Amino acid sequence: MRLAWWDGKRRILVFDVLFALLVAFGLVLEITKNEEYQWYTVLLVTVPFAAMLVRRRFPLLFMAITPVAQWWPSVQVTIAAYTVASRKGLSWQTAVSFVYGSAVIVFWPGQRRGDSSVGASIGYIVFFVLVPTLLGLWVYQRRALLIALRERAEQAERERDLRSERVVVAERRRIAREMHDVVAHRVSAIALQSGALTMTAPDKRTEEVAEVIRKTSTTALTELREILQVLRDELPGEPGHVAPALDAVPVLVADAVGTGLKVNLSLPDPVPEVSAAAGRAAYRVVQEALTNATKHAPGVVVTVIITADKKNLVVEVSNPRGVQHTEVPGSGFGLVGMQERVSLAGGTLRTGWDDGVFKVQANLPVKAAE
């Protein structure tokens, strides 16, 4: 198990301090053997190596003071060349460091002893400047690669989390949509019928039972609305359930008539061939419009007209204003759900009152994309 205090910058700082102290101590021992060196000479030798403590933060400054070193100058230049290259990469700073370090090795007085030939100078430059510079560039590139890989891994993890979140949101919205389309529709019918029964009950007992059913179903619709709010209060998602298509509209209308709603249906025979998306959207528009009429305009005649040509499928549901005898709370997402389904099918939806008649009109492309 790695110790937390030994990680990262602290480990680097400890290494730099120990290395600087070790080199400075060795130089002091070496210099003090010669009596001609004075205390200021020792200071001039040790200060450049003490600068190694900040060499990572100021690499060019570290390289600039290398001529001050009066002992082992090649070591100073080598460390400086590596530091600049490893911190700055392939840049003008590294180029300046290489040229400056080479000049110090070759031309600075006292920096070289012995062979001064061109071959020896090239050898010194290669060994003390070029090799550490190339090593520093390799370290820089490797560090950059590791950082890029880490960022890519973090980005991939974020994208994976986002995809997972969207899958969850899509499922939640699908459940909410189906609960509204199916459960809310049925419970609304129960509330409406039980409310009507309370006014036409043949005896007191039947009226009481009908009232209990009405109150229970009304409460259930209110609670259902709260559940739908929780399920749908997320990012938009794609529905994953295949709803009934256009050919199921007659059955839907028959069910509505069975609950007491008066409906006039006009549907081409045979049923037009449209895309699955357009068919599903048309079915849900009719279903929601019938549900709204049942809740808000009981007793009126609802007209459903469906027409189609080669390009467009038009669904129009209208009903006059009615007198609402029984208060039935809605789920709060009917018109929103219709708009979403029509938009997903590539169509447009219009709703509103026109001379006392509430109209819902959906214009859907016959060849809507799935």
Protein backbone atom coordinates (compact mmCIF):
# COMPACT_ATOMS: atom_id res chain seq x y z
CA MET A 1 0.00 0.00 0.00
CA ARG A 2 1.44 3.39 -1.08
CA LEU A 3 1.65 6.17 1.50
CA ALA A 4 -0.37 9.25 0.57
CA TRP A 5 2.29 11.69 1.75
CA TRP A 6 4.88 10.03 -0.54
CA ASP A 7 2.92 10.60 -3.74
CA GLY A 8 3.35 13.19 -6.47
CA LYS A 9 5.08 16.49 -5.76
CA ARG A 10 6.38 15.51 -2.32
CA ARG A 11 8.30 12.58 -3.72
CA ILE A 12 9.86 14.80 -6.41
CA LEU A 13 10.75 17.50 -3.88
CA VAL A 14 12.42 15.01 -1.54
CA PHE A 15 14.43 13.60 -4.44
CA ASP A 16 15.58 17.06 -5.56
CA VAL A 17 16.59 18.09 -2.04
CA LEU A 18 18.56 14.92 -1.38
CA PHE A 19 20.28 15.05 -4.77
CA ALA A 20 21.24 18.73 -4.37
CA LEU A 21 22.58 18.17 -0.86
CA LEU A 22 24.53 15.11 -1.94
CA VAL A 23 26.19 16.86 -4.87
CA ALA A 24 26.89 20.03 -2.89
CA PHE A 25 28.37 18.05 -0.01
CA GLY A 26 30.65 16.10 -2.34
CA LEU A 27 31.82 19.29 -4.01
CA VAL A 28 32.56 20.96 -0.69
CA LEU A 29 34.67 18.01 0.40
CA GLU A 30 36.52 18.02 -2.92
CA ILE A 31 37.12 21.77 -2.96
CA THR A 32 38.27 22.12 0.64
CA LYS A 33 41.17 19.77 -0.09
CA ASN A 34 42.72 22.60 -2.09
CA GLU A 35 43.69 25.53 0.13
CA GLU A 36 43.59 28.06 -2.73
CA TYR A 37 39.80 27.93 -2.78
CA GLN A 38 38.15 30.49 -0.51
CA TRP A 39 34.71 30.51 1.10
CA TYR A 40 33.20 32.58 -1.74
CA THR A 41 34.47 29.98 -4.19
CA VAL A 42 32.60 27.30 -2.31
CA LEU A 43 29.53 29.52 -2.42
CA LEU A 44 29.80 29.92 -6.18
CA VAL A 45 30.02 26.17 -6.53
CA THR A 46 27.17 25.20 -4.25
CA VAL A 47 24.63 27.88 -5.24
CA PRO A 48 23.99 26.51 -8.76
CA PHE A 49 23.38 23.06 -7.35
CA ALA A 50 21.09 24.47 -4.69
CA ALA A 51 19.13 25.92 -7.59
CA MET A 52 18.12 22.36 -8.40
CA LEU A 53 15.41 22.79 -5.77
CA VAL A 54 13.50 25.03 -8.18
CA ARG A 55 14.75 23.61 -11.47
CA ARG A 56 11.38 22.05 -12.35
CA ARG A 57 9.57 25.34 -11.88
CA PHE A 58 12.21 27.56 -13.52
CA PRO A 59 14.14 25.27 -15.91
CA LEU A 60 15.47 28.06 -18.15
CA LEU A 61 16.77 30.01 -15.16
CA PHE A 62 18.47 26.88 -13.95
CA MET A 63 20.19 26.47 -17.32
CA ALA A 64 21.16 30.17 -17.39
CA ILE A 65 23.20 30.00 -14.17
CA THR A 66 25.18 26.91 -15.18
CA PRO A 67 28.32 28.95 -16.07
CA VAL A 68 28.58 29.98 -12.40
CA ALA A 69 29.44 26.41 -11.47
CA GLN A 70 33.20 26.16 -11.02
CA TRP A 71 33.27 22.40 -10.44
CA TRP A 72 31.64 19.60 -12.47
CA PRO A 73 29.98 22.08 -14.86
CA SER A 74 29.08 19.27 -17.24
CA VAL A 75 26.85 17.73 -14.54
CA GLN A 76 25.04 21.04 -14.14
CA VAL A 77 24.52 21.40 -17.91
CA THR A 78 23.36 17.79 -18.24
CA ILE A 79 20.73 18.16 -15.51
CA ALA A 80 19.60 21.51 -16.91
CA ALA A 81 19.28 20.19 -20.49
CA TYR A 82 17.19 17.24 -19.30
CA THR A 83 15.00 19.45 -17.08
CA VAL A 84 14.19 21.99 -19.79
CA ALA A 85 13.36 19.29 -22.37
CA SER A 86 11.23 17.26 -19.95
CA ARG A 87 9.25 20.35 -18.85
CA LYS A 88 8.91 22.26 -22.13
CA GLY A 89 8.89 19.51 -24.74
CA LEU A 90 9.71 20.22 -28.36
CA SER A 91 9.69 24.03 -28.14
CA TRP A 92 11.83 27.10 -28.62
CA GLN A 93 12.83 26.93 -24.94
CA THR A 94 14.33 23.48 -25.49
CA ALA A 95 16.15 24.69 -28.61
CA VAL A 96 17.61 27.66 -26.72
CA SER A 97 18.61 25.35 -23.88
CA PHE A 98 20.40 23.01 -26.29
CA VAL A 99 22.34 25.82 -27.99
CA TYR A 100 23.17 27.53 -24.71
CA GLY A 101 24.25 24.29 -23.03
CA SER A 102 26.45 23.38 -25.99
CA ALA A 103 28.09 26.81 -25.87
CA VAL A 104 28.77 26.46 -22.15
CA ILE A 105 30.35 23.03 -22.63
CA VAL A 106 32.55 24.14 -25.54
CA PHE A 107 33.39 27.81 -25.02
CA TRP A 108 32.98 28.87 -21.41
CA PRO A 109 36.36 29.34 -19.73
CA GLY A 110 37.24 26.58 -17.35
CA GLN A 111 34.38 24.34 -18.41
CA ARG A 112 36.57 21.97 -20.41
CA ARG A 113 40.00 20.62 -19.83
CA GLY A 114 42.12 18.39 -21.99
CA ASP A 115 41.29 17.69 -25.65
CA SER A 116 39.83 20.73 -27.43
CA SER A 117 39.51 19.25 -30.91
CA VAL A 118 36.33 19.45 -32.96
CA GLY A 119 35.69 15.75 -32.50
CA ALA A 120 36.04 16.03 -28.75
CA SER A 121 33.73 19.05 -28.69
CA ILE A 122 31.08 17.17 -30.65
CA GLY A 123 31.46 14.24 -28.29
CA TYR A 124 31.00 16.49 -25.25
CA ILE A 125 27.89 18.07 -26.80
CA VAL A 126 26.38 14.70 -27.67
CA PHE A 127 27.07 13.15 -24.27
CA PHE A 128 26.35 16.09 -21.96
CA VAL A 129 23.67 18.01 -23.93
CA LEU A 130 22.09 16.01 -26.78
CA VAL A 131 21.50 12.74 -24.92
CA PRO A 132 19.86 14.35 -21.85
CA THR A 133 17.80 16.59 -24.15
CA LEU A 134 16.50 13.59 -26.10
CA LEU A 135 15.80 11.75 -22.86
CA GLY A 136 13.89 14.76 -21.55
CA LEU A 137 11.83 14.95 -24.76
CA TRP A 138 10.97 11.27 -24.42
CA VAL A 139 9.85 11.80 -20.83
CA TYR A 140 7.76 14.80 -21.89
CA GLN A 141 6.04 12.86 -24.67
CA ARG A 142 5.43 9.90 -22.38
CA ARG A 143 3.93 12.16 -19.73
CA ALA A 144 1.72 13.85 -22.33
CA LEU A 145 0.60 10.44 -23.61
CA LEU A 146 -0.29 9.25 -20.11
CA ILE A 147 -2.25 12.43 -19.46
CA ALA A 148 -4.11 12.04 -22.77
CA LEU A 149 -4.91 8.40 -22.01
CA ARG A 150 -6.15 9.30 -18.55
CA GLU A 151 -8.33 12.10 -19.92
CA ARG A 152 -9.66 9.77 -22.61
CA ALA A 153 -10.48 7.14 -20.00
CA GLU A 154 -12.25 9.73 -17.84
CA GLN A 155 -14.17 10.99 -20.87
CA ALA A 156 -15.16 7.44 -21.80
CA GLU A 157 -16.34 6.85 -18.24
CA ARG A 158 -18.40 10.05 -18.31
CA GLU A 159 -19.93 9.06 -21.64
CA ARG A 160 -20.69 5.58 -20.33
CA ASP A 161 -22.39 7.07 -17.27
CA LEU A 162 -24.34 9.44 -19.50
CA ARG A 163 -25.49 6.60 -21.74
CA SER A 164 -26.57 4.59 -18.71
CA GLU A 165 -28.43 7.60 -17.36
CA ARG A 166 -30.20 8.13 -20.66
CA VAL A 167 -31.23 4.48 -20.78
CA VAL A 168 -32.72 4.82 -17.31
CA VAL A 169 -34.46 8.07 -18.26
CA ALA A 170 -35.84 6.50 -21.44
CA GLU A 171 -37.28 3.62 -19.47
CA ARG A 172 -38.79 5.95 -16.90
CA ARG A 173 -40.43 8.04 -19.59
CA ARG A 174 -41.70 4.93 -21.37
CA ILE A 175 -43.28 3.72 -18.14
CA ALA A 176 -44.78 7.15 -17.49
CA ARG A 177 -46.17 7.34 -21.02
CA GLU A 178 -47.74 3.90 -20.87
CA MET A 179 -49.17 4.56 -17.41
CA HIS A 180 -50.79 7.69 -18.77
CA ASP A 181 -51.99 6.14 -22.01
CA VAL A 182 -53.40 2.98 -20.45
CA VAL A 183 -53.92 3.28 -16.69
CA ALA A 184 -55.04 6.91 -16.55
CA HIS A 185 -57.40 6.34 -19.46
CA ARG A 186 -59.10 3.39 -17.73
CA VAL A 187 -59.27 4.98 -14.28
CA SER A 188 -60.74 8.16 -15.78
CA ALA A 189 -63.49 6.08 -17.33
CA ILE A 190 -64.17 4.41 -13.96
CA ALA A 191 -64.37 7.78 -12.22
CA LEU A 192 -66.73 9.14 -14.85
CA GLN A 193 -69.04 6.12 -14.85
CA SER A 194 -69.17 5.89 -11.07
CA GLY A 195 -69.92 9.62 -10.89
CA ALA A 196 -72.79 9.18 -13.31
CA LEU A 197 -74.04 6.20 -11.30
CA THR A 198 -74.25 8.28 -8.11
CA MET A 199 -76.82 10.49 -9.83
CA THR A 200 -78.90 7.65 -11.32
CA ALA A 201 -78.57 5.00 -8.61
CA PRO A 202 -81.85 3.11 -7.95
CA ASP A 203 -81.24 2.95 -4.19
CA LYS A 204 -79.19 4.51 -1.40
CA ARG A 205 -76.80 1.56 -1.05
CA THR A 206 -75.87 1.60 -4.74
CA GLU A 207 -75.32 5.35 -4.58
CA GLU A 208 -72.98 4.98 -1.59
CA VAL A 209 -70.94 2.27 -3.31
CA ALA A 210 -70.74 4.32 -6.50
CA GLU A 211 -69.58 7.35 -4.51
CA VAL A 212 -66.84 5.29 -2.84
CA ILE A 213 -65.71 4.04 -6.25
CA ARG A 214 -65.73 7.59 -7.62
CA LYS A 215 -63.70 8.99 -4.72
CA THR A 216 -61.25 6.08 -4.83
CA SER A 217 -60.68 6.39 -8.57
CA THR A 218 -60.33 10.18 -8.29
CA THR A 219 -57.74 9.75 -5.54
CA ALA A 220 -55.96 7.15 -7.65
CA LEU A 221 -55.75 9.61 -10.55
CA THR A 222 -54.30 12.28 -8.26
CA GLU A 223 -51.68 9.87 -6.95
CA LEU A 224 -50.98 8.69 -10.48
CA ARG A 225 -50.28 12.26 -11.49
CA GLU A 226 -47.70 12.56 -8.71
CA ILE A 227 -46.06 9.31 -9.80
CA LEU A 228 -45.94 10.47 -13.41
CA GLN A 229 -44.35 13.74 -12.29
CA VAL A 230 -41.56 11.81 -10.57
CA LEU A 231 -41.05 9.46 -13.50
CA ARG A 232 -41.03 12.16 -16.14
CA ASP A 233 -39.07 14.86 -14.34
CA GLU A 234 -35.90 13.82 -16.16
CA LEU A 235 -34.05 14.37 -19.42
CA PRO A 236 -35.99 13.51 -22.61
CA GLY A 237 -35.83 9.88 -23.54
CA GLU A 238 -37.05 7.66 -26.31
CA PRO A 239 -40.16 5.52 -25.77
CA GLY A 240 -39.38 1.85 -25.97
CA HIS A 241 -42.87 0.32 -26.07
CA VAL A 242 -44.71 -0.41 -29.31
CA ALA A 243 -48.18 1.14 -29.01
CA PRO A 244 -51.24 0.08 -31.03
CA ALA A 245 -51.31 1.39 -34.59
CA LEU A 246 -53.85 3.11 -36.82
CA ASP A 247 -55.88 -0.03 -37.50
CA ALA A 248 -56.67 -0.29 -33.77
CA VAL A 249 -58.52 3.05 -33.70
CA PRO A 250 -61.96 1.46 -34.35
CA VAL A 251 -61.50 -0.80 -31.33
CA LEU A 252 -60.44 2.21 -29.25
CA VAL A 253 -63.56 4.11 -30.32
CA ALA A 254 -65.76 1.10 -29.58
CA ASP A 255 -64.34 0.90 -26.06
CA ALA A 256 -65.06 4.61 -25.54
CA VAL A 257 -68.62 4.16 -26.77
CA GLY A 258 -68.97 1.28 -24.34
CA THR A 259 -68.26 3.66 -21.45
CA GLY A 260 -71.07 5.97 -22.56
CA LEU A 261 -69.19 8.41 -24.78
CA LYS A 262 -70.82 9.37 -28.07
CA VAL A 263 -68.32 9.17 -30.93
CA ASN A 264 -68.63 9.61 -34.68
CA LEU A 265 -65.67 8.01 -36.48
CA SER A 266 -64.67 8.66 -40.06
CA LEU A 267 -61.83 6.39 -41.18
CA PRO A 268 -60.94 5.42 -44.75
CA ASP A 269 -61.65 1.83 -45.73
CA PRO A 270 -59.28 0.16 -46.14
CA VAL A 271 -57.14 1.72 -43.44
CA PRO A 272 -54.34 3.77 -45.04
CA GLU A 273 -50.87 2.26 -45.04
CA VAL A 274 -48.65 4.55 -43.01
CA SER A 275 -45.39 4.18 -41.17
CA ALA A 276 -45.43 2.56 -37.74
CA ALA A 277 -44.42 5.82 -36.09
CA ALA A 278 -47.26 7.75 -37.74
CA GLY A 279 -49.76 4.99 -36.89
CA ARG A 280 -48.75 4.91 -33.24
CA ALA A 281 -48.88 8.68 -32.96
CA ALA A 282 -52.34 8.81 -34.57
CA TYR A 283 -53.66 6.16 -32.18
CA ARG A 284 -52.35 8.01 -29.12
CA VAL A 285 -53.77 11.33 -30.34
CA VAL A 286 -57.24 9.80 -30.70
CA GLN A 287 -56.94 8.03 -27.35
CA GLU A 288 -55.89 11.16 -25.48
CA ALA A 289 -58.53 13.31 -27.19
CA LEU A 290 -61.26 10.81 -26.24
CA THR A 291 -59.98 10.71 -22.67
CA ASN A 292 -60.07 14.50 -22.44
CA ALA A 293 -63.59 14.60 -23.86
CA THR A 294 -64.70 11.96 -21.36
CA LYS A 295 -63.31 13.96 -18.45
CA HIS A 296 -64.14 17.50 -19.49
CA ALA A 297 -67.15 17.27 -21.81
CA PRO A 298 -69.27 14.25 -20.87
CA GLY A 299 -72.46 13.78 -22.84
CA VAL A 300 -71.33 15.59 -25.98
CA VAL A 301 -70.69 14.03 -29.36
CA VAL A 302 -67.01 13.61 -30.25
CA THR A 303 -66.10 13.60 -33.93
CA VAL A 304 -63.01 11.73 -35.09
CA ILE A 305 -61.99 12.28 -38.71
CA ILE A 306 -58.93 10.57 -40.17
CA THR A 307 -57.83 11.27 -43.73
CA ALA A 308 -54.71 10.42 -45.69
CA ASP A 309 -53.09 11.08 -49.02
CA LYS A 310 -49.74 10.06 -50.45
CA LYS A 311 -47.81 12.39 -48.15
CA ASN A 312 -49.83 13.27 -45.07
CA LEU A 313 -51.99 11.59 -42.47
CA VAL A 314 -54.38 14.02 -40.78
CA VAL A 315 -56.11 13.18 -37.51
CA GLU A 316 -58.79 15.59 -36.29
CA VAL A 317 -60.79 15.13 -33.10
CA SER A 318 -63.35 17.74 -32.08
CA ASN A 319 -66.07 18.15 -29.49
CA PRO A 320 -68.28 21.04 -28.37
CA ARG A 321 -68.10 22.49 -24.91
CA GLY A 322 -69.95 20.34 -22.41
CA VAL A 323 -71.20 20.59 -18.86
CA GLN A 324 -68.89 18.66 -16.57
CA HIS A 325 -70.94 16.87 -13.94
CA THR A 326 -68.10 14.97 -12.31
CA GLU A 327 -64.72 16.49 -11.52
CA VAL A 328 -62.04 14.15 -12.79
CA PRO A 329 -58.40 15.23 -12.26
CA GLY A 330 -56.06 14.75 -15.19
CA SER A 331 -52.59 13.28 -15.19
CA GLY A 332 -51.19 16.62 -16.35
CA PHE A 333 -49.25 15.16 -19.29
CA GLY A 334 -51.93 14.46 -21.92
CA LEU A 335 -51.28 17.30 -24.33
CA VAL A 336 -47.55 17.15 -23.62
CA GLY A 337 -47.55 13.44 -24.42
CA MET A 338 -49.46 14.02 -27.66
CA GLN A 339 -47.03 16.73 -28.69
CA GLU A 340 -44.04 14.50 -27.96
CA ARG A 341 -45.43 11.55 -29.90
CA VAL A 342 -46.40 13.67 -32.89
CA SER A 343 -42.99 15.37 -32.90
CA LEU A 344 -41.20 12.02 -32.75
CA ALA A 345 -43.14 10.97 -35.85
CA GLY A 346 -42.07 14.16 -37.64
CA GLY A 347 -45.49 15.81 -37.51
CA THR A 348 -47.18 18.87 -36.03
CA LEU A 349 -50.00 19.22 -33.50
CA ARG A 350 -52.56 21.97 -33.06
CA THR A 351 -55.00 22.21 -30.18
CA GLY A 352 -57.46 24.87 -29.07
CA TRP A 353 -60.97 26.26 -29.12
CA ASP A 354 -62.69 27.39 -32.32
CA ASP A 355 -66.22 28.83 -32.04
CA GLY A 356 -67.05 26.79 -28.97
CA VAL A 357 -65.53 23.59 -30.35
CA PHE A 358 -62.33 22.14 -28.97
CA LYS A 359 -60.18 20.75 -31.78
CA VAL A 360 -57.14 18.52 -31.80
CA GLN A 361 -55.46 18.24 -35.19
CA ALA A 362 -52.34 16.20 -35.89
CA ASN A 363 -50.62 16.38 -39.26
CA LEU A 364 -48.30 13.40 -39.69
CA PRO A 365 -46.06 12.41 -42.61
CA VAL A 366 -47.13 9.08 -44.05
CA LYS A 367 -43.48 8.06 -44.40
CA ALA A 368 -42.38 9.27 -40.98
CA ALA A 369 -39.03 7.95 -39.82
CA GLU A 370 -39.05 5.19 -37.27
